[in-house]
PDB file of N, CA and C in Angstrom:
ATOM      1  N   MET A   1       0.784  -1.354   0.164  1.00  0.00           N
ATOM      2  CA  MET A   1      -0.245  -0.142  -0.065  1.00  0.00           C
ATOM      3  C   MET A   1       0.936   1.212   0.051  1.00  0.00           C
ATOM      4  N   GLN A   2       0.820   2.059  -0.842  1.00  0.00           N
ATOM      5  CA  GLN A   2       1.426   3.392  -0.964  1.00  0.00           C
ATOM      6  C   GLN A   2       0.742   4.211  -0.280  1.00  0.00           C
ATOM      7  N   LEU A   3       1.392   5.073   0.765  1.00  0.00           N
ATOM      8  CA  LEU A   3       0.996   6.234   1.422  1.00  0.00           C
ATOM      9  C   LEU A   3       0.820   7.344   0.739  1.00  0.00           C
ATOM     10  N   ARG A   4      -0.294   8.184   0.780  1.00  0.00           N
ATOM     11  CA  ARG A   4      -0.608   9.232  -0.087  1.00  0.00           C
ATOM     12  C   ARG A   4       0.217  10.199   0.187  1.00  0.00           C
ATOM     13  N   SER A   5       0.269  10.611   1.459  1.00  0.00           N
ATOM     14  CA  SER A   5       1.136  11.625   1.763  1.00  0.00           C
ATOM     15  C   SER A   5       1.921  11.656   3.329  1.00  0.00           C
ATOM     16  N   ARG A   6       3.071  11.549   3.448  1.00  0.00           N
ATOM     17  CA  ARG A   6       3.497  11.902   4.862  1.00  0.00           C
ATOM     18  C   ARG A   6       3.106  12.932   5.658  1.00  0.00           C
ATOM     19  N   ARG A   7       2.951  14.007   4.800  1.00  0.00           N
ATOM     20  CA  ARG A   7       2.605  15.254   5.694  1.00  0.00           C
ATOM     21  C   ARG A   7       0.997  15.048   6.148  1.00  0.00           C
ATOM     22  N   ALA A   8       0.172  14.344   5.343  1.00  0.00           N
ATOM     23  CA  ALA A   8      -1.166  14.357   5.614  1.00  0.00           C
ATOM     24  C   ALA A   8      -1.334  13.121   6.761  1.00  0.00           C
ATOM     25  N   LEU A   9      -0.377  12.255   6.900  1.00  0.00           N
ATOM     26  CA  LEU A   9      -0.527  11.259   7.953  1.00  0.00           C
ATOM     27  C   LEU A   9      -0.137  11.960   9.303  1.00  0.00           C
ATOM     28  N   ALA A  10       1.117  12.691   9.131  1.00  0.00           N
ATOM     29  CA  ALA A  10       1.572  13.684  10.232  1.00  0.00           C
ATOM     30  C   ALA A  10       0.565  14.771  10.864  1.00  0.00           C
ATOM     31  N   ASP A  11      -0.207  15.202   9.894  1.00  0.00           N
ATOM     32  CA  ASP A  11      -1.193  16.250  10.154  1.00  0.00           C
ATOM     33  C   ASP A  11      -2.463  15.678  10.856  1.00  0.00           C
ATOM     34  N   TYR A  12      -2.780  14.344  10.343  1.00  0.00           N
ATOM     35  CA  TYR A  12      -3.939  13.639  10.783  1.00  0.00           C
ATOM     36  C   TYR A  12      -3.622  13.178  12.327  1.00  0.00           C
ATOM     37  N   ILE A  13      -2.325  12.692  12.699  1.00  0.00           N
ATOM     38  CA  ILE A  13      -1.982  12.445  14.108  1.00  0.00           C
ATOM     39  C   ILE A  13      -2.169  13.459  14.876  1.00  0.00           C
ATOM     40  N   ASP A  14      -1.448  14.620  14.494  1.00  0.00           N
ATOM     41  CA  ASP A  14      -1.402  16.056  15.433  1.00  0.00           C
ATOM     42  C   ASP A  14      -3.047  16.583  15.510  1.00  0.00           C
ATOM     43  N   LEU A  15      -3.674  16.543  14.520  1.00  0.00           N
ATOM     44  CA  LEU A  15      -5.141  16.900  14.686  1.00  0.00           C
ATOM     45  C   LEU A  15      -5.873  16.228  15.763  1.00  0.00           C
ATOM     46  N   LEU A  16      -5.448  14.710  15.871  1.00  0.00           N
ATOM     47  CA  LEU A  16      -6.123  13.895  16.786  1.00  0.00           C
ATOM     48  C   LEU A  16      -5.459  14.147  18.044  1.00  0.00           C
ATOM     49  N   GLY A  17      -4.631  14.778  18.286  1.00  0.00           N
ATOM     50  CA  GLY A  17      -3.813  14.927  19.517  1.00  0.00           C
ATOM     51  C   GLY A  17      -3.139  13.517  19.937  1.00  0.00           C
ATOM     52  N   VAL A  18      -2.511  12.805  19.295  1.00  0.00           N
ATOM     53  CA  VAL A  18      -1.866  11.506  19.606  1.00  0.00           C
ATOM     54  C   VAL A  18      -0.397  11.563  19.109  1.00  0.00           C
ATOM     55  N   SER A  19       0.342  10.764  20.155  1.00  0.00           N
ATOM     56  CA  SER A  19       1.744  10.603  19.513  1.00  0.00           C
ATOM     57  C   SER A  19       1.877   9.519  18.675  1.00  0.00           C
ATOM     58  N   GLU A  20       3.315   9.533  18.060  1.00  0.00           N
ATOM     59  CA  GLU A  20       3.417   8.215  17.063  1.00  0.00           C
ATOM     60  C   GLU A  20       3.369   6.992  17.891  1.00  0.00           C
ATOM     61  N   ARG A  21       3.844   7.294  19.330  1.00  0.00           N
ATOM     62  CA  ARG A  21       3.975   5.845  20.195  1.00  0.00           C
ATOM     63  C   ARG A  21       2.491   5.398  20.524  1.00  0.00           C
ATOM     64  N   GLN A  22       1.481   6.141  20.704  1.00  0.00           N
ATOM     65  CA  GLN A  22       0.123   5.954  20.897  1.00  0.00           C
ATOM     66  C   GLN A  22      -0.342   5.423  19.674  1.00  0.00           C
ATOM     67  N   LEU A  23      -0.146   5.850  18.719  1.00  0.00           N
ATOM     68  CA  LEU A  23      -0.709   5.476  17.324  1.00  0.00           C
ATOM     69  C   LEU A  23      -0.171   4.035  17.218  1.00  0.00           C
ATOM     70  N   ALA A  24       1.064   3.734  17.253  1.00  0.00           N
ATOM     71  CA  ALA A  24       1.781   2.645  17.280  1.00  0.00           C
ATOM     72  C   ALA A  24       0.910   1.483  18.066  1.00  0.00           C
ATOM     73  N   ARG A  25       0.882   1.927  19.621  1.00  0.00           N
ATOM     74  CA  ARG A  25       0.121   0.872  20.434  1.00  0.00           C
ATOM     75  C   ARG A  25      -0.944   0.479  19.829  1.00  0.00           C
ATOM     76  N   SER A  26      -1.906   1.689  19.681  1.00  0.00           N
ATOM     77  CA  SER A  26      -3.353   1.465  19.226  1.00  0.00           C
ATOM     78  C   SER A  26      -3.621   0.631  18.187  1.00  0.00           C
ATOM     79  N   ALA A  27      -2.665   0.646  17.017  1.00  0.00           N
ATOM     80  CA  ALA A  27      -2.565  -0.095  15.736  1.00  0.00           C
ATOM     81  C   ALA A  27      -1.918  -1.595  16.159  1.00  0.00           C
ATOM     82  N   GLY A  28      -1.283  -1.789  16.914  1.00  0.00           N
ATOM     83  CA  GLY A  28      -0.623  -3.181  17.294  1.00  0.00           C
ATOM     84  C   GLY A  28       0.688  -3.183  16.359  1.00  0.00           C
ATOM     85  N   LEU A  29       1.345  -1.941  16.034  1.00  0.00           N
ATOM     86  CA  LEU A  29       2.603  -1.807  15.271  1.00  0.00           C
ATOM     87  C   LEU A  29       3.694  -1.500  16.253  1.00  0.00           C
ATOM     88  N   SER A  30       4.796  -1.459  15.748  1.00  0.00           N
ATOM     89  CA  SER A  30       6.142  -0.918  16.419  1.00  0.00           C
ATOM     90  C   SER A  30       6.102   0.685  15.917  1.00  0.00           C
ATOM     91  N   HIS A  31       6.699   1.409  17.189  1.00  0.00           N
ATOM     92  CA  HIS A  31       6.817   2.726  16.754  1.00  0.00           C
ATOM     93  C   HIS A  31       7.554   3.156  15.751  1.00  0.00           C
ATOM     94  N   SER A  32       8.741   2.192  15.376  1.00  0.00           N
ATOM     95  CA  SER A  32       9.620   2.577  14.085  1.00  0.00           C
ATOM     96  C   SER A  32       8.703   2.301  12.925  1.00  0.00           C
ATOM     97  N   THR A  33       7.898   1.675  12.989  1.00  0.00           N
ATOM     98  CA  THR A  33       7.044   1.250  11.594  1.00  0.00           C
ATOM     99  C   THR A  33       6.311   2.746  11.396  1.00  0.00           C
ATOM    100  N   VAL A  34       5.674   3.288  12.397  1.00  0.00           N
ATOM    101  CA  VAL A  34       5.063   4.453  12.152  1.00  0.00           C
ATOM    102  C   VAL A  34       5.794   5.666  12.197  1.00  0.00           C
ATOM    103  N   ASN A  35       7.009   5.542  12.801  1.00  0.00           N
ATOM    104  CA  ASN A  35       7.759   6.645  12.778  1.00  0.00           C
ATOM    105  C   ASN A  35       8.455   7.200  11.142  1.00  0.00           C
ATOM    106  N   HIS A  36       8.665   5.681  10.642  1.00  0.00           N
ATOM    107  CA  HIS A  36       9.301   5.499   9.167  1.00  0.00           C
ATOM    108  C   HIS A  36       8.374   6.263   8.094  1.00  0.00           C
ATOM    109  N   LEU A  37       7.126   5.835   8.521  1.00  0.00           N
ATOM    110  CA  LEU A  37       6.289   6.495   7.554  1.00  0.00           C
ATOM    111  C   LEU A  37       5.745   7.974   7.548  1.00  0.00           C
ATOM    112  N   VAL A  38       5.789   8.537   8.914  1.00  0.00           N
ATOM    113  CA  VAL A  38       5.699   9.958   9.222  1.00  0.00           C
ATOM    114  C   VAL A  38       6.626  10.521   8.736  1.00  0.00           C
ATOM    115  N   THR A  39       8.168   9.963   8.736  1.00  0.00           N
ATOM    116  CA  THR A  39       9.121  10.785   8.292  1.00  0.00           C
ATOM    117  C   THR A  39       9.679  10.752   7.114  1.00  0.00           C
ATOM    118  N   GLY A  40       9.010   9.937   6.094  1.00  0.00           N
ATOM    119  CA  GLY A  40       9.354   9.727   4.904  1.00  0.00           C
ATOM    120  C   GLY A  40      10.190   8.522   4.652  1.00  0.00           C
ATOM    121  N   ARG A  41      10.951   7.949   5.734  1.00  0.00           N
ATOM    122  CA  ARG A  41      11.871   6.905   5.294  1.00  0.00           C
ATOM    123  C   ARG A  41      11.279   5.673   4.634  1.00  0.00           C
ATOM    124  N   ARG A  42       9.937   5.637   4.761  1.00  0.00           N
ATOM    125  CA  ARG A  42       9.268   4.611   3.935  1.00  0.00           C
ATOM    126  C   ARG A  42       7.946   5.114   3.429  1.00  0.00           C
ATOM    127  N   ASN A  43       7.839   4.803   2.291  1.00  0.00           N
ATOM    128  CA  ASN A  43       6.229   5.464   1.673  1.00  0.00           C
ATOM    129  C   ASN A  43       5.433   4.128   1.341  1.00  0.00           C
ATOM    130  N   SER A  44       5.429   3.270   1.842  1.00  0.00           N
ATOM    131  CA  SER A  44       4.782   2.078   1.531  1.00  0.00           C
ATOM    132  C   SER A  44       4.657   0.977   2.836  1.00  0.00           C
ATOM    133  N   CYS A  45       3.773   0.183   2.975  1.00  0.00           N
ATOM    134  CA  CYS A  45       3.538  -0.694   4.011  1.00  0.00           C
ATOM    135  C   CYS A  45       2.663  -1.807   3.577  1.00  0.00           C
ATOM    136  N   SER A  46       2.455  -2.779   4.152  1.00  0.00           N
ATOM    137  CA  SER A  46       1.585  -4.145   3.797  1.00  0.00           C
ATOM    138  C   SER A  46       0.374  -3.495   3.987  1.00  0.00           C
ATOM    139  N   LEU A  47      -0.725  -4.352   3.525  1.00  0.00           N
ATOM    140  CA  LEU A  47      -2.115  -3.800   3.465  1.00  0.00           C
ATOM    141  C   LEU A  47      -2.349  -4.118   4.941  1.00  0.00           C
ATOM    142  N   ARG A  48      -2.153  -4.961   5.833  1.00  0.00           N
ATOM    143  CA  ARG A  48      -2.784  -4.920   7.222  1.00  0.00           C
ATOM    144  C   ARG A  48      -2.077  -3.603   8.106  1.00  0.00           C
ATOM    145  N   THR A  49      -0.949  -3.416   7.959  1.00  0.00           N
ATOM    146  CA  THR A  49      -0.293  -2.259   8.347  1.00  0.00           C
ATOM    147  C   THR A  49      -1.002  -0.990   8.193  1.00  0.00           C
ATOM    148  N   ALA A  50      -1.140  -0.865   6.861  1.00  0.00           N
ATOM    149  CA  ALA A  50      -2.256   0.373   6.386  1.00  0.00           C
ATOM    150  C   ALA A  50      -3.448   0.392   7.179  1.00  0.00           C
ATOM    151  N   VAL A  51      -4.305  -0.740   7.078  1.00  0.00           N
ATOM    152  CA  VAL A  51      -5.661  -0.832   7.529  1.00  0.00           C
ATOM    153  C   VAL A  51      -5.362  -0.613   9.193  1.00  0.00           C
ATOM    154  N   ALA A  52      -4.539  -1.205   9.904  1.00  0.00           N
ATOM    155  CA  ALA A  52      -4.525  -1.113  11.316  1.00  0.00           C
ATOM    156  C   ALA A  52      -4.410   0.589  11.505  1.00  0.00           C
ATOM    157  N   ILE A  53      -3.593   1.353  10.829  1.00  0.00           N
ATOM    158  CA  ILE A  53      -3.126   2.625  11.026  1.00  0.00           C
ATOM    159  C   ILE A  53      -4.665   3.409  10.961  1.00  0.00           C
ATOM    160  N   GLU A  54      -5.339   3.132  10.024  1.00  0.00           N
ATOM    161  CA  GLU A  54      -6.603   3.878   9.459  1.00  0.00           C
ATOM    162  C   GLU A  54      -7.571   3.575  10.649  1.00  0.00           C
ATOM    163  N   ARG A  55      -7.658   2.242  10.905  1.00  0.00           N
ATOM    164  CA  ARG A  55      -8.605   1.888  12.031  1.00  0.00           C
ATOM    165  C   ARG A  55      -8.200   2.610  13.187  1.00  0.00           C
ATOM    166  N   ALA A  56      -6.815   2.860  13.696  1.00  0.00           N
ATOM    167  CA  ALA A  56      -6.536   3.261  14.982  1.00  0.00           C
ATOM    168  C   ALA A  56      -6.654   4.825  14.810  1.00  0.00           C
ATOM    169  N   LEU A  57      -6.570   5.622  13.697  1.00  0.00           N
ATOM    170  CA  LEU A  57      -7.126   7.013  13.558  1.00  0.00           C
ATOM    171  C   LEU A  57      -8.685   6.957  13.220  1.00  0.00           C
ATOM    172  N   ASP A  58      -9.282   6.160  13.219  1.00  0.00           N
ATOM    173  CA  ASP A  58     -10.682   6.056  13.029  1.00  0.00           C
ATOM    174  C   ASP A  58     -11.087   6.982  11.755  1.00  0.00           C
ATOM    175  N   CYS A  59     -10.185   6.721  10.671  1.00  0.00           N
ATOM    176  CA  CYS A  59     -10.466   7.463   9.399  1.00  0.00           C
ATOM    177  C   CYS A  59     -10.877   6.647   8.255  1.00  0.00           C
ATOM    178  N   PRO A  60     -11.594   7.062   7.224  1.00  0.00           N
ATOM    179  CA  PRO A  60     -11.982   6.084   6.169  1.00  0.00           C
ATOM    180  C   PRO A  60     -10.976   5.173   5.433  1.00  0.00           C
ATOM    181  N   PRO A  61     -11.439   4.152   5.173  1.00  0.00           N
ATOM    182  CA  PRO A  61     -10.662   3.087   4.351  1.00  0.00           C
ATOM    183  C   PRO A  61      -9.755   3.875   3.059  1.00  0.00           C
ATOM    184  N   GLY A  62      -8.758   3.961   2.793  1.00  0.00           N
ATOM    185  CA  GLY A  62      -8.098   4.521   1.610  1.00  0.00           C
ATOM    186  C   GLY A  62      -7.938   5.918   1.696  1.00  0.00           C
ATOM    187  N   LEU A  63      -8.367   6.612   3.015  1.00  0.00           N
ATOM    188  CA  LEU A  63      -7.910   7.867   3.148  1.00  0.00           C
ATOM    189  C   LEU A  63      -6.549   8.438   3.047  1.00  0.00           C
ATOM    190  N   LEU A  64      -5.761   7.608   3.623  1.00  0.00           N
ATOM    191  CA  LEU A  64      -4.270   7.943   3.741  1.00  0.00           C
ATOM    192  C   LEU A  64      -3.335   6.963   3.065  1.00  0.00           C
ATOM    193  N   PHE A  65      -3.799   5.778   3.007  1.00  0.00           N
ATOM    194  CA  PHE A  65      -3.169   4.712   1.817  1.00  0.00           C
ATOM    195  C   PHE A  65      -3.721   4.274   0.696  1.00  0.00           C
ATOM    196  N   SER A  66      -3.109   4.294  -0.382  1.00  0.00           N
ATOM    197  CA  SER A  66      -3.591   3.874  -1.804  1.00  0.00           C
ATOM    198  C   SER A  66      -3.188   2.574  -2.002  1.00  0.00           C
ATOM    199  N   PRO A  67      -4.448   1.556  -2.230  1.00  0.00           N
ATOM    200  CA  PRO A  67      -4.164   0.453  -2.826  1.00  0.00           C
ATOM    201  C   PRO A  67      -3.456   0.198  -4.189  1.00  0.00           C
ATOM    202  N   ASP A  68      -2.452  -0.774  -4.191  1.00  0.00           N
ATOM    203  CA  ASP A  68      -1.578  -0.827  -5.491  1.00  0.00           C
ATOM    204  C   ASP A  68      -2.365  -1.593  -6.633  1.00  0.00           C
ATOM    205  N   THR A  69      -3.308  -2.257  -6.101  1.00  0.00           N
ATOM    206  CA  THR A  69      -4.213  -2.889  -7.302  1.00  0.00           C
ATOM    207  C   THR A  69      -5.539  -3.104  -6.895  1.00  0.00           C
ATOM    208  N   ASP A  70      -6.301  -3.364  -7.945  1.00  0.00           N
ATOM    209  CA  ASP A  70      -7.767  -3.676  -7.310  1.00  0.00           C
ATOM    210  C   ASP A  70      -8.067  -4.733  -6.390  1.00  0.00           C
ATOM    211  N   ALA A  71      -7.144  -5.717  -6.475  1.00  0.00           N
ATOM    212  CA  ALA A  71      -7.299  -6.751  -5.384  1.00  0.00           C
ATOM    213  C   ALA A  71      -6.936  -6.264  -4.060  1.00  0.00           C
ATOM    214  N   ASP A  72      -5.972  -5.486  -4.106  1.00  0.00           N
ATOM    215  CA  ASP A  72      -5.648  -4.646  -2.891  1.00  0.00           C
ATOM    216  C   ASP A  72      -6.671  -4.001  -2.105  1.00  0.00           C
ATOM    217  N   ARG A  73      -7.462  -3.150  -3.084  1.00  0.00           N
ATOM    218  CA  ARG A  73      -8.501  -2.235  -2.688  1.00  0.00           C
ATOM    219  C   ARG A  73      -9.541  -3.409  -1.995  1.00  0.00           C
ATOM    220  N   LEU A  74      -9.935  -4.398  -2.662  1.00  0.00           N
ATOM    221  CA  LEU A  74     -11.020  -5.392  -2.208  1.00  0.00           C
ATOM    222  C   LEU A  74     -10.609  -5.842  -1.100  1.00  0.00           C
ATOM    223  N   ALA A  75      -9.424  -6.251  -0.796  1.00  0.00           N
ATOM    224  CA  ALA A  75      -8.889  -6.864   0.379  1.00  0.00           C
ATOM    225  C   ALA A  75      -8.706  -5.525   1.503  1.00  0.00           C
ATOM    226  N   MET A  76      -8.344  -4.405   1.349  1.00  0.00           N
ATOM    227  CA  MET A  76      -8.636  -3.303   2.177  1.00  0.00           C
ATOM    228  C   MET A  76      -9.867  -3.313   2.885  1.00  0.00           C
ATOM    229  N   TYR A  77     -11.006  -3.132   1.984  1.00  0.00           N
ATOM    230  CA  TYR A  77     -12.284  -2.864   2.645  1.00  0.00           C
ATOM    231  C   TYR A  77     -12.722  -4.446   3.295  1.00  0.00           C
ATOM    232  N   ARG A  78     -12.351  -5.664   2.858  1.00  0.00           N
ATOM    233  CA  ARG A  78     -12.630  -6.673   3.409  1.00  0.00           C
ATOM    234  C   ARG A  78     -12.114  -6.745   4.883  1.00  0.00           C
ATOM    235  N   LEU A  79     -10.869  -6.604   4.964  1.00  0.00           N
ATOM    236  CA  LEU A  79     -10.196  -6.349   6.165  1.00  0.00           C
ATOM    237  C   LEU A  79     -10.843  -5.234   7.326  1.00  0.00           C
ATOM    238  N   TRP A  80     -11.194  -4.176   6.481  1.00  0.00           N
ATOM    239  CA  TRP A  80     -11.573  -3.219   7.322  1.00  0.00           C
ATOM    240  C   TRP A  80     -12.984  -3.488   7.920  1.00  0.00           C
ATOM    241  N   ALA A  81     -13.994  -4.370   7.165  1.00  0.00           N
ATOM    242  CA  ALA A  81     -15.379  -4.780   7.444  1.00  0.00           C
ATOM    243  C   ALA A  81     -15.231  -5.816   8.340  1.00  0.00           C
ATOM    244  N   ASP A  82     -13.755  -6.731   8.276  1.00  0.00           N
ATOM    245  CA  ASP A  82     -13.819  -7.896   9.449  1.00  0.00           C
ATOM    246  C   ASP A  82     -13.382  -7.127  10.657  1.00  0.00           C
ATOM    247  N   SER A  83     -12.618  -5.974  10.871  1.00  0.00           N
ATOM    248  CA  SER A  83     -12.178  -5.500  12.143  1.00  0.00           C
ATOM    249  C   SER A  83     -13.208  -4.752  12.652  1.00  0.00           C
ATOM    250  N   GLU A  84     -14.228  -4.176  12.034  1.00  0.00           N
ATOM    251  CA  GLU A  84     -15.321  -3.623  12.456  1.00  0.00           C
ATOM    252  C   GLU A  84     -16.373  -4.640  13.118  1.00  0.00           C
ATOM    253  N   ALA A  85     -16.298  -6.059  12.543  1.00  0.00           N
ATOM    254  CA  ALA A  85     -17.472  -7.064  13.047  1.00  0.00           C
ATOM    255  C   ALA A  85     -16.850  -7.328  14.496  1.00  0.00           C
ATOM    256  N   GLY A  86     -15.677  -7.385  14.657  1.00  0.00           N
ATOM    257  CA  GLY A  86     -15.061  -7.957  16.027  1.00  0.00           C
ATOM    258  C   GLY A  86     -14.895  -9.476  15.820  1.00  0.00           C
ATOM    259  N   PRO A  87     -14.330 -10.119  16.963  1.00  0.00           N
ATOM    260  CA  PRO A  87     -13.997 -11.405  17.043  1.00  0.00           C
ATOM    261  C   PRO A  87     -15.254 -12.177  16.904  1.00  0.00           C
ATOM    262  N   GLY A  88     -15.234 -13.340  16.362  1.00  0.00           N
ATOM    263  CA  GLY A  88     -16.450 -14.115  16.256  1.00  0.00           C
ATOM    264  C   GLY A  88     -17.466 -13.857  15.294  1.00  0.00           C
ATOM    265  N   ASP A  89     -17.527 -12.590  14.928  1.00  0.00           N
ATOM    266  CA  ASP A  89     -18.498 -11.761  14.120  1.00  0.00           C
ATOM    267  C   ASP A  89     -18.255 -11.527  12.744  1.00  0.00           C
ATOM    268  N   ARG A  90     -18.622 -12.173  11.686  1.00  0.00           N
ATOM    269  CA  ARG A  90     -18.160 -12.029  10.396  1.00  0.00           C
ATOM    270  C   ARG A  90     -19.123 -11.343   9.585  1.00  0.00           C
ATOM    271  N   THR A  91     -20.131 -11.110  10.079  1.00  0.00           N
ATOM    272  CA  THR A  91     -21.282 -10.551   9.235  1.00  0.00           C
ATOM    273  C   THR A  91     -21.031  -9.032   9.312  1.00  0.00           C
ATOM    274  N   GLY A  92     -20.477  -8.509   9.962  1.00  0.00           N
ATOM    275  CA  GLY A  92     -20.635  -6.844   9.889  1.00  0.00           C
ATOM    276  C   GLY A  92     -21.616  -6.347  10.732  1.00  0.00           C
ATOM    277  N   GLY A  93     -22.637  -7.099  11.190  1.00  0.00           N
ATOM    278  CA  GLY A  93     -23.611  -6.391  11.966  1.00  0.00           C
ATOM    279  C   GLY A  93     -23.470  -6.406  13.423  1.00  0.00           C
ATOM    280  N   GLY A  94     -24.326  -5.460  14.086  1.00  0.00           N
ATOM    281  CA  GLY A  94     -24.078  -5.349  15.547  1.00  0.00           C
ATOM    282  C   GLY A  94     -25.092  -6.077  16.105  1.00  0.00           C
ATOM    283  N   SER A  95     -24.683  -6.126  17.309  1.00  0.00           N
ATOM    284  CA  SER A  95     -25.928  -6.988  18.387  1.00  0.00           C
ATOM    285  C   SER A  95     -26.534  -5.887  18.960  1.00  0.00           C
ATOM    286  N   ASP A  96     -27.985  -6.522  19.421  1.00  0.00           N
ATOM    287  CA  ASP A  96     -28.873  -5.404  20.077  1.00  0.00           C
ATOM    288  C   ASP A  96     -28.826  -5.815  21.665  1.00  0.00           C
ATOM    289  N   ARG A  97     -27.859  -6.582  21.939  1.00  0.00           N
ATOM    290  CA  ARG A  97     -27.825  -6.964  23.413  1.00  0.00           C
ATOM    291  C   ARG A  97     -27.117  -5.908  23.992  1.00  0.00           C
TER     292      ARG A  97
END
């Protein structure tokens, strides 16, 4: 997945008032992974890393990262939907309980 803009990622993090370390913890990533994307040392990452960052920042899928292929785009939305469903619930629906 291609990072659309390191500046946009840094600005989004600042806007939410979280640190790189807090984002990394929330996304289940290492601080260095997040830092390398923010500083421009890296401009791409795995699909799972991109989805984890966007979910942790509560931004729409594809806002910060651009899928490389149509297959990646579909996989990104599937991962997003699976992570919203929660463990054991793959329907994407919520519970009224």
